[in-house]
PDB file of N, CA and C in Angstrom:
ATOM      1  N   MET A   1      -5.383  24.489 -37.144  1.00  0.00           N
ATOM      2  CA  MET A   1      -6.352  25.508 -36.766  1.00  0.00           C
ATOM      3  C   MET A   1      -7.776  24.968 -36.983  1.00  0.00           C
ATOM      4  N   GLU A   2      -8.602  25.168 -35.975  1.00  0.00           N
ATOM      5  CA  GLU A   2      -9.982  24.665 -36.050  1.00  0.00           C
ATOM      6  C   GLU A   2     -10.810  25.535 -36.992  1.00  0.00           C
ATOM      7  N   ARG A   3     -11.552  24.881 -37.868  1.00  0.00           N
ATOM      8  CA  ARG A   3     -12.386  25.608 -38.807  1.00  0.00           C
ATOM      9  C   ARG A   3     -13.785  25.765 -38.211  1.00  0.00           C
ATOM     10  N   ILE A   4     -14.274  26.977 -38.207  1.00  0.00           N
ATOM     11  CA  ILE A   4     -15.609  27.226 -37.660  1.00  0.00           C
ATOM     12  C   ILE A   4     -16.626  27.119 -38.802  1.00  0.00           C
ATOM     13  N   GLU A   5     -17.575  26.243 -38.614  1.00  0.00           N
ATOM     14  CA  GLU A   5     -18.616  26.069 -39.625  1.00  0.00           C
ATOM     15  C   GLU A   5     -19.665  27.172 -39.490  1.00  0.00           C
ATOM     16  N   PRO A   6     -20.031  27.778 -40.609  1.00  0.00           N
ATOM     17  CA  PRO A   6     -21.098  28.783 -40.535  1.00  0.00           C
ATOM     18  C   PRO A   6     -22.435  28.108 -40.247  1.00  0.00           C
ATOM     19  N   MET A   7     -23.330  28.848 -39.623  1.00  0.00           N
ATOM     20  CA  MET A   7     -24.677  28.324 -39.401  1.00  0.00           C
ATOM     21  C   MET A   7     -25.443  28.361 -40.718  1.00  0.00           C
ATOM     22  N   GLN A   8     -26.336  27.426 -40.889  1.00  0.00           N
ATOM     23  CA  GLN A   8     -27.191  27.457 -42.068  1.00  0.00           C
ATOM     24  C   GLN A   8     -28.235  28.558 -41.888  1.00  0.00           C
ATOM     25  N   VAL A   9     -28.633  29.162 -42.994  1.00  0.00           N
ATOM     26  CA  VAL A   9     -29.693  30.164 -42.976  1.00  0.00           C
ATOM     27  C   VAL A   9     -30.853  29.602 -43.782  1.00  0.00           C
ATOM     28  N   ALA A  10     -32.052  29.719 -43.213  1.00  0.00           N
ATOM     29  CA  ALA A  10     -33.254  29.231 -43.885  1.00  0.00           C
ATOM     30  C   ALA A  10     -34.303  30.332 -43.884  1.00  0.00           C
ATOM     31  N   PHE A  11     -35.125  30.345 -44.908  1.00  0.00           N
ATOM     32  CA  PHE A  11     -36.250  31.265 -44.957  1.00  0.00           C
ATOM     33  C   PHE A  11     -37.460  30.598 -44.313  1.00  0.00           C
ATOM     34  N   TYR A  12     -38.210  31.371 -43.548  1.00  0.00           N
ATOM     35  CA  TYR A  12     -39.504  30.899 -43.047  1.00  0.00           C
ATOM     36  C   TYR A  12     -40.380  30.597 -44.263  1.00  0.00           C
ATOM     37  N   VAL A  13     -41.066  29.462 -44.245  1.00  0.00           N
ATOM     38  CA  VAL A  13     -41.977  29.086 -45.326  1.00  0.00           C
ATOM     39  C   VAL A  13     -43.389  29.035 -44.755  1.00  0.00           C
ATOM     40  N   SER A  14     -44.293  29.814 -45.350  1.00  0.00           N
ATOM     41  CA  SER A  14     -45.681  29.846 -44.868  1.00  0.00           C
ATOM     42  C   SER A  14     -46.387  28.545 -45.227  1.00  0.00           C
ATOM     43  N   GLN A  15     -47.554  28.335 -44.644  1.00  0.00           N
ATOM     44  CA  GLN A  15     -48.317  27.121 -44.923  1.00  0.00           C
ATOM     45  C   GLN A  15     -48.690  27.027 -46.401  1.00  0.00           C
ATOM     46  N   SER A  16     -48.786  28.184 -47.077  1.00  0.00           N
ATOM     47  CA  SER A  16     -49.113  28.181 -48.509  1.00  0.00           C
ATOM     48  C   SER A  16     -47.867  28.000 -49.380  1.00  0.00           C
ATOM     49  N   GLY A  17     -46.699  27.877 -48.728  1.00  0.00           N
ATOM     50  CA  GLY A  17     -45.468  27.648 -49.478  1.00  0.00           C
ATOM     51  C   GLY A  17     -44.687  28.907 -49.839  1.00  0.00           C
ATOM     52  N   ARG A  18     -45.188  30.069 -49.432  1.00  0.00           N
ATOM     53  CA  ARG A  18     -44.490  31.326 -49.735  1.00  0.00           C
ATOM     54  C   ARG A  18     -43.321  31.536 -48.775  1.00  0.00           C
ATOM     55  N   GLU A  19     -42.338  32.294 -49.240  1.00  0.00           N
ATOM     56  CA  GLU A  19     -41.189  32.680 -48.424  1.00  0.00           C
ATOM     57  C   GLU A  19     -41.180  34.208 -48.360  1.00  0.00           C
ATOM     58  N   PRO A  20     -41.901  34.793 -47.374  1.00  0.00           N
ATOM     59  CA  PRO A  20     -42.090  36.245 -47.348  1.00  0.00           C
ATOM     60  C   PRO A  20     -40.798  37.058 -47.279  1.00  0.00           C
ATOM     61  N   VAL A  21     -39.782  36.561 -46.580  1.00  0.00           N
ATOM     62  CA  VAL A  21     -38.529  37.332 -46.495  1.00  0.00           C
ATOM     63  C   VAL A  21     -37.827  37.314 -47.852  1.00  0.00           C
ATOM     64  N   ARG A  22     -37.821  36.166 -48.513  1.00  0.00           N
ATOM     65  CA  ARG A  22     -37.217  36.084 -49.851  1.00  0.00           C
ATOM     66  C   ARG A  22     -37.952  37.027 -50.810  1.00  0.00           C
ATOM     67  N   ASP A  23     -39.291  37.007 -50.765  1.00  0.00           N
ATOM     68  CA  ASP A  23     -40.087  37.895 -51.624  1.00  0.00           C
ATOM     69  C   ASP A  23     -39.756  39.360 -51.359  1.00  0.00           C
ATOM     70  N   TRP A  24     -39.629  39.708 -50.075  1.00  0.00           N
ATOM     71  CA  TRP A  24     -39.301  41.088 -49.696  1.00  0.00           C
ATOM     72  C   TRP A  24     -37.920  41.467 -50.225  1.00  0.00           C
ATOM     73  N   LEU A  25     -36.945  40.582 -50.047  1.00  0.00           N
ATOM     74  CA  LEU A  25     -35.585  40.862 -50.520  1.00  0.00           C
ATOM     75  C   LEU A  25     -35.558  41.067 -52.033  1.00  0.00           C
ATOM     76  N   ILE A  26     -36.305  40.258 -52.767  1.00  0.00           N
ATOM     77  CA  ILE A  26     -36.352  40.371 -54.226  1.00  0.00           C
ATOM     78  C   ILE A  26     -36.858  41.757 -54.642  1.00  0.00           C
ATOM     79  N   SER A  27     -37.740  42.346 -53.825  1.00  0.00           N
ATOM     80  CA  SER A  27     -38.326  43.654 -54.166  1.00  0.00           C
ATOM     81  C   SER A  27     -37.351  44.816 -53.966  1.00  0.00           C
ATOM     82  N   LEU A  28     -36.218  44.569 -53.314  1.00  0.00           N
ATOM     83  CA  LEU A  28     -35.260  45.637 -53.011  1.00  0.00           C
ATOM     84  C   LEU A  28     -34.266  45.821 -54.153  1.00  0.00           C
ATOM     85  N   SER A  29     -33.542  46.937 -54.115  1.00  0.00           N
ATOM     86  CA  SER A  29     -32.519  47.189 -55.135  1.00  0.00           C
ATOM     87  C   SER A  29     -31.345  46.235 -54.940  1.00  0.00           C
ATOM     88  N   LYS A  30     -30.547  46.085 -55.963  1.00  0.00           N
ATOM     89  CA  LYS A  30     -29.370  45.205 -55.899  1.00  0.00           C
ATOM     90  C   LYS A  30     -28.438  45.626 -54.770  1.00  0.00           C
ATOM     91  N   ALA A  31     -28.211  46.932 -54.614  1.00  0.00           N
ATOM     92  CA  ALA A  31     -27.319  47.445 -53.566  1.00  0.00           C
ATOM     93  C   ALA A  31     -27.877  47.148 -52.173  1.00  0.00           C
ATOM     94  N   GLU A  32     -29.196  47.302 -52.011  1.00  0.00           N
ATOM     95  CA  GLU A  32     -29.824  47.026 -50.710  1.00  0.00           C
ATOM     96  C   GLU A  32     -29.725  45.538 -50.367  1.00  0.00           C
ATOM     97  N   LYS A  33     -30.002  44.677 -51.360  1.00  0.00           N
ATOM     98  CA  LYS A  33     -29.897  43.228 -51.151  1.00  0.00           C
ATOM     99  C   LYS A  33     -28.483  42.851 -50.730  1.00  0.00           C
ATOM    100  N   LYS A  34     -27.491  43.473 -51.369  1.00  0.00           N
ATOM    101  CA  LYS A  34     -26.088  43.163 -51.087  1.00  0.00           C
ATOM    102  C   LYS A  34     -25.742  43.514 -49.634  1.00  0.00           C
ATOM    103  N   LEU A  35     -26.153  44.699 -49.183  1.00  0.00           N
ATOM    104  CA  LEU A  35     -25.855  45.122 -47.810  1.00  0.00           C
ATOM    105  C   LEU A  35     -26.537  44.218 -46.784  1.00  0.00           C
ATOM    106  N   ILE A  36     -27.809  43.921 -47.008  1.00  0.00           N
ATOM    107  CA  ILE A  36     -28.544  43.049 -46.080  1.00  0.00           C
ATOM    108  C   ILE A  36     -27.919  41.654 -46.087  1.00  0.00           C
ATOM    109  N   GLY A  37     -27.580  41.160 -47.265  1.00  0.00           N
ATOM    110  CA  GLY A  37     -26.946  39.838 -47.379  1.00  0.00           C
ATOM    111  C   GLY A  37     -25.614  39.774 -46.641  1.00  0.00           C
ATOM    112  N   GLU A  38     -24.826  40.846 -46.725  1.00  0.00           N
ATOM    113  CA  GLU A  38     -23.543  40.883 -46.006  1.00  0.00           C
ATOM    114  C   GLU A  38     -23.759  40.825 -44.499  1.00  0.00           C
ATOM    115  N   ASP A  39     -24.777  41.532 -43.998  1.00  0.00           N
ATOM    116  CA  ASP A  39     -25.053  41.500 -42.563  1.00  0.00           C
ATOM    117  C   ASP A  39     -25.553  40.128 -42.116  1.00  0.00           C
ATOM    118  N   ILE A  40     -26.383  39.492 -42.935  1.00  0.00           N
ATOM    119  CA  ILE A  40     -26.851  38.142 -42.607  1.00  0.00           C
ATOM    120  C   ILE A  40     -25.663  37.177 -42.604  1.00  0.00           C
ATOM    121  N   LYS A  41     -24.754  37.339 -43.554  1.00  0.00           N
ATOM    122  CA  LYS A  41     -23.554  36.493 -43.616  1.00  0.00           C
ATOM    123  C   LYS A  41     -22.674  36.698 -42.375  1.00  0.00           C
ATOM    124  N   THR A  42     -22.590  37.940 -41.892  1.00  0.00           N
ATOM    125  CA  THR A  42     -21.836  38.226 -40.668  1.00  0.00           C
ATOM    126  C   THR A  42     -22.424  37.440 -39.501  1.00  0.00           C
ATOM    127  N   VAL A  43     -23.747  37.391 -39.417  1.00  0.00           N
ATOM    128  CA  VAL A  43     -24.421  36.633 -38.362  1.00  0.00           C
ATOM    129  C   VAL A  43     -24.162  35.132 -38.562  1.00  0.00           C
ATOM    130  N   GLN A  44     -24.261  34.686 -39.786  1.00  0.00           N
ATOM    131  CA  GLN A  44     -24.076  33.278 -40.118  1.00  0.00           C
ATOM    132  C   GLN A  44     -22.699  32.777 -39.682  1.00  0.00           C
ATOM    133  N   PHE A  45     -21.671  33.582 -39.890  1.00  0.00           N
ATOM    134  CA  PHE A  45     -20.306  33.164 -39.572  1.00  0.00           C
ATOM    135  C   PHE A  45     -19.879  33.544 -38.159  1.00  0.00           C
ATOM    136  N   GLY A  46     -20.647  34.445 -37.488  1.00  0.00           N
ATOM    137  CA  GLY A  46     -20.212  34.921 -36.187  1.00  0.00           C
ATOM    138  C   GLY A  46     -21.120  34.613 -35.013  1.00  0.00           C
ATOM    139  N   TRP A  47     -22.210  33.890 -35.270  1.00  0.00           N
ATOM    140  CA  TRP A  47     -23.210  33.651 -34.217  1.00  0.00           C
ATOM    141  C   TRP A  47     -22.604  32.902 -33.039  1.00  0.00           C
ATOM    142  N   PRO A  48     -22.909  33.291 -31.798  1.00  0.00           N
ATOM    143  CA  PRO A  48     -23.761  34.432 -31.413  1.00  0.00           C
ATOM    144  C   PRO A  48     -23.011  35.752 -31.534  1.00  0.00           C
ATOM    145  N   ILE A  49     -23.728  36.753 -31.959  1.00  0.00           N
ATOM    146  CA  ILE A  49     -23.155  38.072 -32.218  1.00  0.00           C
ATOM    147  C   ILE A  49     -24.105  39.131 -31.666  1.00  0.00           C
ATOM    148  N   GLY A  50     -23.572  40.251 -31.268  1.00  0.00           N
ATOM    149  CA  GLY A  50     -24.411  41.302 -30.690  1.00  0.00           C
ATOM    150  C   GLY A  50     -24.392  42.576 -31.505  1.00  0.00           C
ATOM    151  N   MET A  51     -24.608  43.673 -30.807  1.00  0.00           N
ATOM    152  CA  MET A  51     -24.657  44.986 -31.444  1.00  0.00           C
ATOM    153  C   MET A  51     -23.296  45.308 -32.049  1.00  0.00           C
ATOM    154  N   PRO A  52     -23.224  46.053 -33.124  1.00  0.00           N
ATOM    155  CA  PRO A  52     -24.318  46.796 -33.760  1.00  0.00           C
ATOM    156  C   PRO A  52     -25.092  46.004 -34.817  1.00  0.00           C
ATOM    157  N   VAL A  53     -24.668  44.763 -35.131  1.00  0.00           N
ATOM    158  CA  VAL A  53     -25.317  44.015 -36.212  1.00  0.00           C
ATOM    159  C   VAL A  53     -26.609  43.346 -35.764  1.00  0.00           C
ATOM    160  N   VAL A  54     -26.613  42.792 -34.542  1.00  0.00           N
ATOM    161  CA  VAL A  54     -27.783  42.046 -34.058  1.00  0.00           C
ATOM    162  C   VAL A  54     -28.246  42.611 -32.727  1.00  0.00           C
ATOM    163  N   GLU A  55     -29.558  42.754 -32.596  1.00  0.00           N
ATOM    164  CA  GLU A  55     -30.140  43.140 -31.312  1.00  0.00           C
ATOM    165  C   GLU A  55     -31.181  42.105 -30.926  1.00  0.00           C
ATOM    166  N   LYS A  56     -31.156  41.714 -29.646  1.00  0.00           N
ATOM    167  CA  LYS A  56     -32.163  40.776 -29.139  1.00  0.00           C
ATOM    168  C   LYS A  56     -33.446  41.555 -28.879  1.00  0.00           C
ATOM    169  N   LEU A  57     -34.566  41.036 -29.393  1.00  0.00           N
ATOM    170  CA  LEU A  57     -35.857  41.702 -29.226  1.00  0.00           C
ATOM    171  C   LEU A  57     -36.704  41.033 -28.156  1.00  0.00           C
ATOM    172  N   ASP A  58     -36.589  39.712 -28.066  1.00  0.00           N
ATOM    173  CA  ASP A  58     -37.431  38.942 -27.165  1.00  0.00           C
ATOM    174  C   ASP A  58     -36.785  37.575 -27.002  1.00  0.00           C
ATOM    175  N   ARG A  59     -37.401  36.736 -26.196  1.00  0.00           N
ATOM    176  CA  ARG A  59     -36.868  35.388 -26.029  1.00  0.00           C
ATOM    177  C   ARG A  59     -36.877  34.687 -27.384  1.00  0.00           C
ATOM    178  N   ASP A  60     -35.713  34.224 -27.832  1.00  0.00           N
ATOM    179  CA  ASP A  60     -35.554  33.509 -29.105  1.00  0.00           C
ATOM    180  C   ASP A  60     -35.843  34.359 -30.348  1.00  0.00           C
ATOM    181  N   LEU A  61     -35.859  35.689 -30.209  1.00  0.00           N
ATOM    182  CA  LEU A  61     -36.145  36.554 -31.360  1.00  0.00           C
ATOM    183  C   LEU A  61     -35.116  37.684 -31.426  1.00  0.00           C
ATOM    184  N   TRP A  62     -34.441  37.787 -32.577  1.00  0.00           N
ATOM    185  CA  TRP A  62     -33.424  38.815 -32.782  1.00  0.00           C
ATOM    186  C   TRP A  62     -33.681  39.542 -34.093  1.00  0.00           C
ATOM    187  N   GLU A  63     -32.980  40.671 -34.278  1.00  0.00           N
ATOM    188  CA  GLU A  63     -33.060  41.371 -35.548  1.00  0.00           C
ATOM    189  C   GLU A  63     -31.659  41.628 -36.080  1.00  0.00           C
ATOM    190  N   VAL A  64     -31.517  41.461 -37.404  1.00  0.00           N
ATOM    191  CA  VAL A  64     -30.315  41.882 -38.112  1.00  0.00           C
ATOM    192  C   VAL A  64     -30.567  43.332 -38.486  1.00  0.00           C
ATOM    193  N   ARG A  65     -29.633  44.207 -38.114  1.00  0.00           N
ATOM    194  CA  ARG A  65     -29.793  45.642 -38.311  1.00  0.00           C
ATOM    195  C   ARG A  65     -28.911  46.108 -39.470  1.00  0.00           C
ATOM    196  N   THR A  66     -29.539  46.598 -40.534  1.00  0.00           N
ATOM    197  CA  THR A  66     -28.790  47.048 -41.703  1.00  0.00           C
ATOM    198  C   THR A  66     -29.145  48.496 -42.009  1.00  0.00           C
ATOM    199  N   THR A  67     -28.113  49.323 -42.110  1.00  0.00           N
ATOM    200  CA  THR A  67     -28.322  50.716 -42.501  1.00  0.00           C
ATOM    201  C   THR A  67     -28.102  50.812 -43.999  1.00  0.00           C
ATOM    202  N   LEU A  68     -29.161  51.191 -44.705  1.00  0.00           N
ATOM    203  CA  LEU A  68     -29.080  51.388 -46.149  1.00  0.00           C
ATOM    204  C   LEU A  68     -28.794  52.864 -46.415  1.00  0.00           C
ATOM    205  N   ARG A  69     -28.700  53.247 -47.669  1.00  0.00           N
ATOM    206  CA  ARG A  69     -28.323  54.625 -47.995  1.00  0.00           C
ATOM    207  C   ARG A  69     -29.227  55.665 -47.351  1.00  0.00           C
ATOM    208  N   ASP A  70     -30.532  55.478 -47.486  1.00  0.00           N
ATOM    209  CA  ASP A  70     -31.455  56.499 -46.978  1.00  0.00           C
ATOM    210  C   ASP A  70     -32.563  55.916 -46.107  1.00  0.00           C
ATOM    211  N   LYS A  71     -32.332  54.689 -45.625  1.00  0.00           N
ATOM    212  CA  LYS A  71     -33.339  54.056 -44.766  1.00  0.00           C
ATOM    213  C   LYS A  71     -32.696  52.933 -43.961  1.00  0.00           C
ATOM    214  N   ILE A  72     -33.492  52.324 -43.115  1.00  0.00           N
ATOM    215  CA  ILE A  72     -33.001  51.276 -42.228  1.00  0.00           C
ATOM    216  C   ILE A  72     -33.810  50.004 -42.482  1.00  0.00           C
ATOM    217  N   ALA A  73     -33.101  48.892 -42.672  1.00  0.00           N
ATOM    218  CA  ALA A  73     -33.768  47.604 -42.888  1.00  0.00           C
ATOM    219  C   ALA A  73     -33.575  46.728 -41.668  1.00  0.00           C
ATOM    220  N   ARG A  74     -34.568  45.887 -41.407  1.00  0.00           N
ATOM    221  CA  ARG A  74     -34.492  44.919 -40.328  1.00  0.00           C
ATOM    222  C   ARG A  74     -34.946  43.565 -40.848  1.00  0.00           C
ATOM    223  N   VAL A  75     -34.228  42.527 -40.439  1.00  0.00           N
ATOM    224  CA  VAL A  75     -34.647  41.156 -40.715  1.00  0.00           C
ATOM    225  C   VAL A  75     -34.736  40.466 -39.358  1.00  0.00           C
ATOM    226  N   LEU A  76     -35.944  40.061 -38.986  1.00  0.00           N
ATOM    227  CA  LEU A  76     -36.166  39.388 -37.707  1.00  0.00           C
ATOM    228  C   LEU A  76     -35.972  37.898 -37.899  1.00  0.00           C
ATOM    229  N   PHE A  77     -35.292  37.272 -36.919  1.00  0.00           N
ATOM    230  CA  PHE A  77     -34.990  35.857 -37.054  1.00  0.00           C
ATOM    231  C   PHE A  77     -35.008  35.148 -35.707  1.00  0.00           C
ATOM    232  N   THR A  78     -35.053  33.825 -35.798  1.00  0.00           N
ATOM    233  CA  THR A  78     -34.904  32.971 -34.631  1.00  0.00           C
ATOM    234  C   THR A  78     -33.840  31.935 -34.959  1.00  0.00           C
ATOM    235  N   VAL A  79     -33.375  31.238 -33.959  1.00  0.00           N
ATOM    236  CA  VAL A  79     -32.448  30.126 -34.175  1.00  0.00           C
ATOM    237  C   VAL A  79     -33.187  28.866 -33.753  1.00  0.00           C
ATOM    238  N   HIS A  80     -33.304  27.922 -34.695  1.00  0.00           N
ATOM    239  CA  HIS A  80     -34.052  26.694 -34.436  1.00  0.00           C
ATOM    240  C   HIS A  80     -33.353  25.535 -35.134  1.00  0.00           C
ATOM    241  N   ALA A  81     -33.174  24.449 -34.418  1.00  0.00           N
ATOM    242  CA  ALA A  81     -32.546  23.235 -34.954  1.00  0.00           C
ATOM    243  C   ALA A  81     -31.201  23.563 -35.614  1.00  0.00           C
ATOM    244  N   GLY A  82     -30.449  24.454 -34.989  1.00  0.00           N
ATOM    245  CA  GLY A  82     -29.124  24.796 -35.484  1.00  0.00           C
ATOM    246  C   GLY A  82     -29.095  25.692 -36.703  1.00  0.00           C
ATOM    247  N   LYS A  83     -30.242  26.256 -37.063  1.00  0.00           N
ATOM    248  CA  LYS A  83     -30.329  27.138 -38.234  1.00  0.00           C
ATOM    249  C   LYS A  83     -30.832  28.519 -37.838  1.00  0.00           C
ATOM    250  N   ILE A  84     -30.382  29.512 -38.597  1.00  0.00           N
ATOM    251  CA  ILE A  84     -30.929  30.863 -38.485  1.00  0.00           C
ATOM    252  C   ILE A  84     -32.133  30.891 -39.423  1.00  0.00           C
ATOM    253  N   VAL A  85     -33.318  31.116 -38.860  1.00  0.00           N
ATOM    254  CA  VAL A  85     -34.540  31.131 -39.669  1.00  0.00           C
ATOM    255  C   VAL A  85     -35.001  32.585 -39.808  1.00  0.00           C
ATOM    256  N   LEU A  86     -34.966  33.087 -41.041  1.00  0.00           N
ATOM    257  CA  LEU A  86     -35.371  34.468 -41.317  1.00  0.00           C
ATOM    258  C   LEU A  86     -36.890  34.521 -41.362  1.00  0.00           C
ATOM    259  N   LEU A  87     -37.478  35.259 -40.412  1.00  0.00           N
ATOM    260  CA  LEU A  87     -38.929  35.254 -40.221  1.00  0.00           C
ATOM    261  C   LEU A  87     -39.655  36.400 -40.906  1.00  0.00           C
ATOM    262  N   HIS A  88     -39.045  37.598 -40.876  1.00  0.00           N
ATOM    263  CA  HIS A  88     -39.743  38.794 -41.367  1.00  0.00           C
ATOM    264  C   HIS A  88     -38.724  39.872 -41.696  1.00  0.00           C
ATOM    265  N   GLY A  89     -38.929  40.542 -42.813  1.00  0.00           N
ATOM    266  CA  GLY A  89     -38.059  41.652 -43.190  1.00  0.00           C
ATOM    267  C   GLY A  89     -38.892  42.878 -43.501  1.00  0.00           C
ATOM    268  N   PHE A  90     -38.367  44.051 -43.144  1.00  0.00           N
ATOM    269  CA  PHE A  90     -39.110  45.294 -43.398  1.00  0.00           C
ATOM    270  C   PHE A  90     -38.169  46.489 -43.349  1.00  0.00           C
ATOM    271  N   ILE A  91     -38.661  47.602 -43.891  1.00  0.00           N
ATOM    272  CA  ILE A  91     -37.957  48.877 -43.796  1.00  0.00           C
ATOM    273  C   ILE A  91     -38.519  49.592 -42.578  1.00  0.00           C
ATOM    274  N   LYS A  92     -37.633  49.988 -41.701  1.00  0.00           N
ATOM    275  CA  LYS A  92     -38.040  50.616 -40.437  1.00  0.00           C
ATOM    276  C   LYS A  92     -38.289  52.110 -40.669  1.00  0.00           C
ATOM    277  N   LYS A  93     -39.447  52.569 -40.226  1.00  0.00           N
ATOM    278  CA  LYS A  93     -39.820  53.969 -40.440  1.00  0.00           C
ATOM    279  C   LYS A  93     -39.863  54.773 -39.140  1.00  0.00           C
ATOM    280  N   THR A  94     -39.832  54.077 -38.002  1.00  0.00           N
ATOM    281  CA  THR A  94     -39.889  54.750 -36.705  1.00  0.00           C
ATOM    282  C   THR A  94     -38.745  54.253 -35.835  1.00  0.00           C
ATOM    283  N   GLN A  95     -38.500  54.936 -34.726  1.00  0.00           N
ATOM    284  CA  GLN A  95     -37.427  54.563 -33.803  1.00  0.00           C
ATOM    285  C   GLN A  95     -37.645  53.169 -33.230  1.00  0.00           C
ATOM    286  N   LYS A  96     -38.886  52.896 -32.840  1.00  0.00           N
ATOM    287  CA  LYS A  96     -39.229  51.630 -32.196  1.00  0.00           C
ATOM    288  C   LYS A  96     -39.730  50.645 -33.259  1.00  0.00           C
ATOM    289  N   THR A  97     -39.409  49.363 -33.083  1.00  0.00           N
ATOM    290  CA  THR A  97     -39.914  48.348 -34.003  1.00  0.00           C
ATOM    291  C   THR A  97     -41.432  48.264 -33.854  1.00  0.00           C
ATOM    292  N   PRO A  98     -42.168  48.438 -34.961  1.00  0.00           N
ATOM    293  CA  PRO A  98     -43.638  48.405 -34.880  1.00  0.00           C
ATOM    294  C   PRO A  98     -44.150  47.085 -34.304  1.00  0.00           C
ATOM    295  N   ILE A  99     -45.159  47.177 -33.455  1.00  0.00           N
ATOM    296  CA  ILE A  99     -45.718  46.010 -32.777  1.00  0.00           C
ATOM    297  C   ILE A  99     -46.265  44.992 -33.781  1.00  0.00           C
ATOM    298  N   ASP A 100     -46.834  45.460 -34.901  1.00  0.00           N
ATOM    299  CA  ASP A 100     -47.364  44.541 -35.917  1.00  0.00           C
ATOM    300  C   ASP A 100     -46.250  43.675 -36.497  1.00  0.00           C
ATOM    301  N   ASP A 101     -45.077  44.277 -36.724  1.00  0.00           N
ATOM    302  CA  ASP A 101     -43.939  43.534 -37.258  1.00  0.00           C
ATOM    303  C   ASP A 101     -43.426  42.525 -36.231  1.00  0.00           C
ATOM    304  N   LEU A 102     -43.372  42.947 -34.965  1.00  0.00           N
ATOM    305  CA  LEU A 102     -42.949  42.043 -33.886  1.00  0.00           C
ATOM    306  C   LEU A 102     -43.921  40.869 -33.743  1.00  0.00           C
ATOM    307  N   ASP A 103     -45.215  41.176 -33.759  1.00  0.00           N
ATOM    308  CA  ASP A 103     -46.242  40.133 -33.611  1.00  0.00           C
ATOM    309  C   ASP A 103     -46.171  39.121 -34.756  1.00  0.00           C
ATOM    310  N   LEU A 104     -45.994  39.623 -35.977  1.00  0.00           N
ATOM    311  CA  LEU A 104     -45.910  38.752 -37.146  1.00  0.00           C
ATOM    312  C   LEU A 104     -44.707  37.810 -37.017  1.00  0.00           C
ATOM    313  N   ALA A 105     -43.558  38.365 -36.661  1.00  0.00           N
ATOM    314  CA  ALA A 105     -42.349  37.549 -36.497  1.00  0.00           C
ATOM    315  C   ALA A 105     -42.524  36.532 -35.362  1.00  0.00           C
ATOM    316  N   THR A 106     -43.160  36.960 -34.271  1.00  0.00           N
ATOM    317  CA  THR A 106     -43.385  36.057 -33.137  1.00  0.00           C
ATOM    318  C   THR A 106     -44.305  34.906 -33.536  1.00  0.00           C
ATOM    319  N   ASP A 107     -45.375  35.216 -34.261  1.00  0.00           N
ATOM    320  CA  ASP A 107     -46.291  34.161 -34.727  1.00  0.00           C
ATOM    321  C   ASP A 107     -45.556  33.162 -35.614  1.00  0.00           C
ATOM    322  N   ARG A 108     -44.723  33.677 -36.512  1.00  0.00           N
ATOM    323  CA  ARG A 108     -43.972  32.799 -37.423  1.00  0.00           C
ATOM    324  C   ARG A 108     -42.958  31.965 -36.634  1.00  0.00           C
ATOM    325  N   MET A 109     -42.339  32.566 -35.612  1.00  0.00           N
ATOM    326  CA  MET A 109     -41.369  31.853 -34.793  1.00  0.00           C
ATOM    327  C   MET A 109     -42.053  30.679 -34.081  1.00  0.00           C
ATOM    328  N   VAL A 110     -43.226  30.926 -33.515  1.00  0.00           N
ATOM    329  CA  VAL A 110     -43.977  29.868 -32.816  1.00  0.00           C
ATOM    330  C   VAL A 110     -44.297  28.728 -33.802  1.00  0.00           C
ATOM    331  N   GLU A 111     -44.704  29.117 -35.002  1.00  0.00           N
ATOM    332  CA  GLU A 111     -45.026  28.140 -36.048  1.00  0.00           C
ATOM    333  C   GLU A 111     -43.788  27.275 -36.368  1.00  0.00           C
ATOM    334  N   VAL A 112     -42.626  27.913 -36.507  1.00  0.00           N
ATOM    335  CA  VAL A 112     -41.377  27.192 -36.804  1.00  0.00           C
ATOM    336  C   VAL A 112     -41.016  26.233 -35.677  1.00  0.00           C
ATOM    337  N   LYS A 113     -41.105  26.717 -34.441  1.00  0.00           N
ATOM    338  CA  LYS A 113     -40.683  25.911 -33.300  1.00  0.00           C
ATOM    339  C   LYS A 113     -41.644  24.759 -33.019  1.00  0.00           C
ATOM    340  N   GLU A 114     -42.907  24.933 -33.388  1.00  0.00           N
ATOM    341  CA  GLU A 114     -43.890  23.857 -33.178  1.00  0.00           C
ATOM    342  C   GLU A 114     -43.872  22.844 -34.322  1.00  0.00           C
ATOM    343  N   GLY A 115     -43.122  23.192 -35.384  1.00  0.00           N
ATOM    344  CA  GLY A 115     -42.957  22.263 -36.516  1.00  0.00           C
ATOM    345  C   GLY A 115     -44.118  22.306 -37.447  1.00  0.00           C
TER     346      GLY A 115
END
């Protein structure tokens, strides 16, 4: 039986060396981190994967969709050099993904792809 290798997951690293998604995850409760981590692991082992776990937002930009107890979390990512790169994480407060969050993730994606 052929063994499927999971994709590597990497955090976006800013020019100052910060990892904003890691910092955001650290700020969450243990239960929230566990749920988001399980969804990221599902993507890691199942890529390419679609709804309900992943939704495509734009060219080369997707979101991991996690329902927490009383709120909704999103982790925006791209796939680059064979890795899932986590670009931005946030708690969703409206039906539509806020444009500021999309723009931030897009800027980070461009930065990653340009090296």
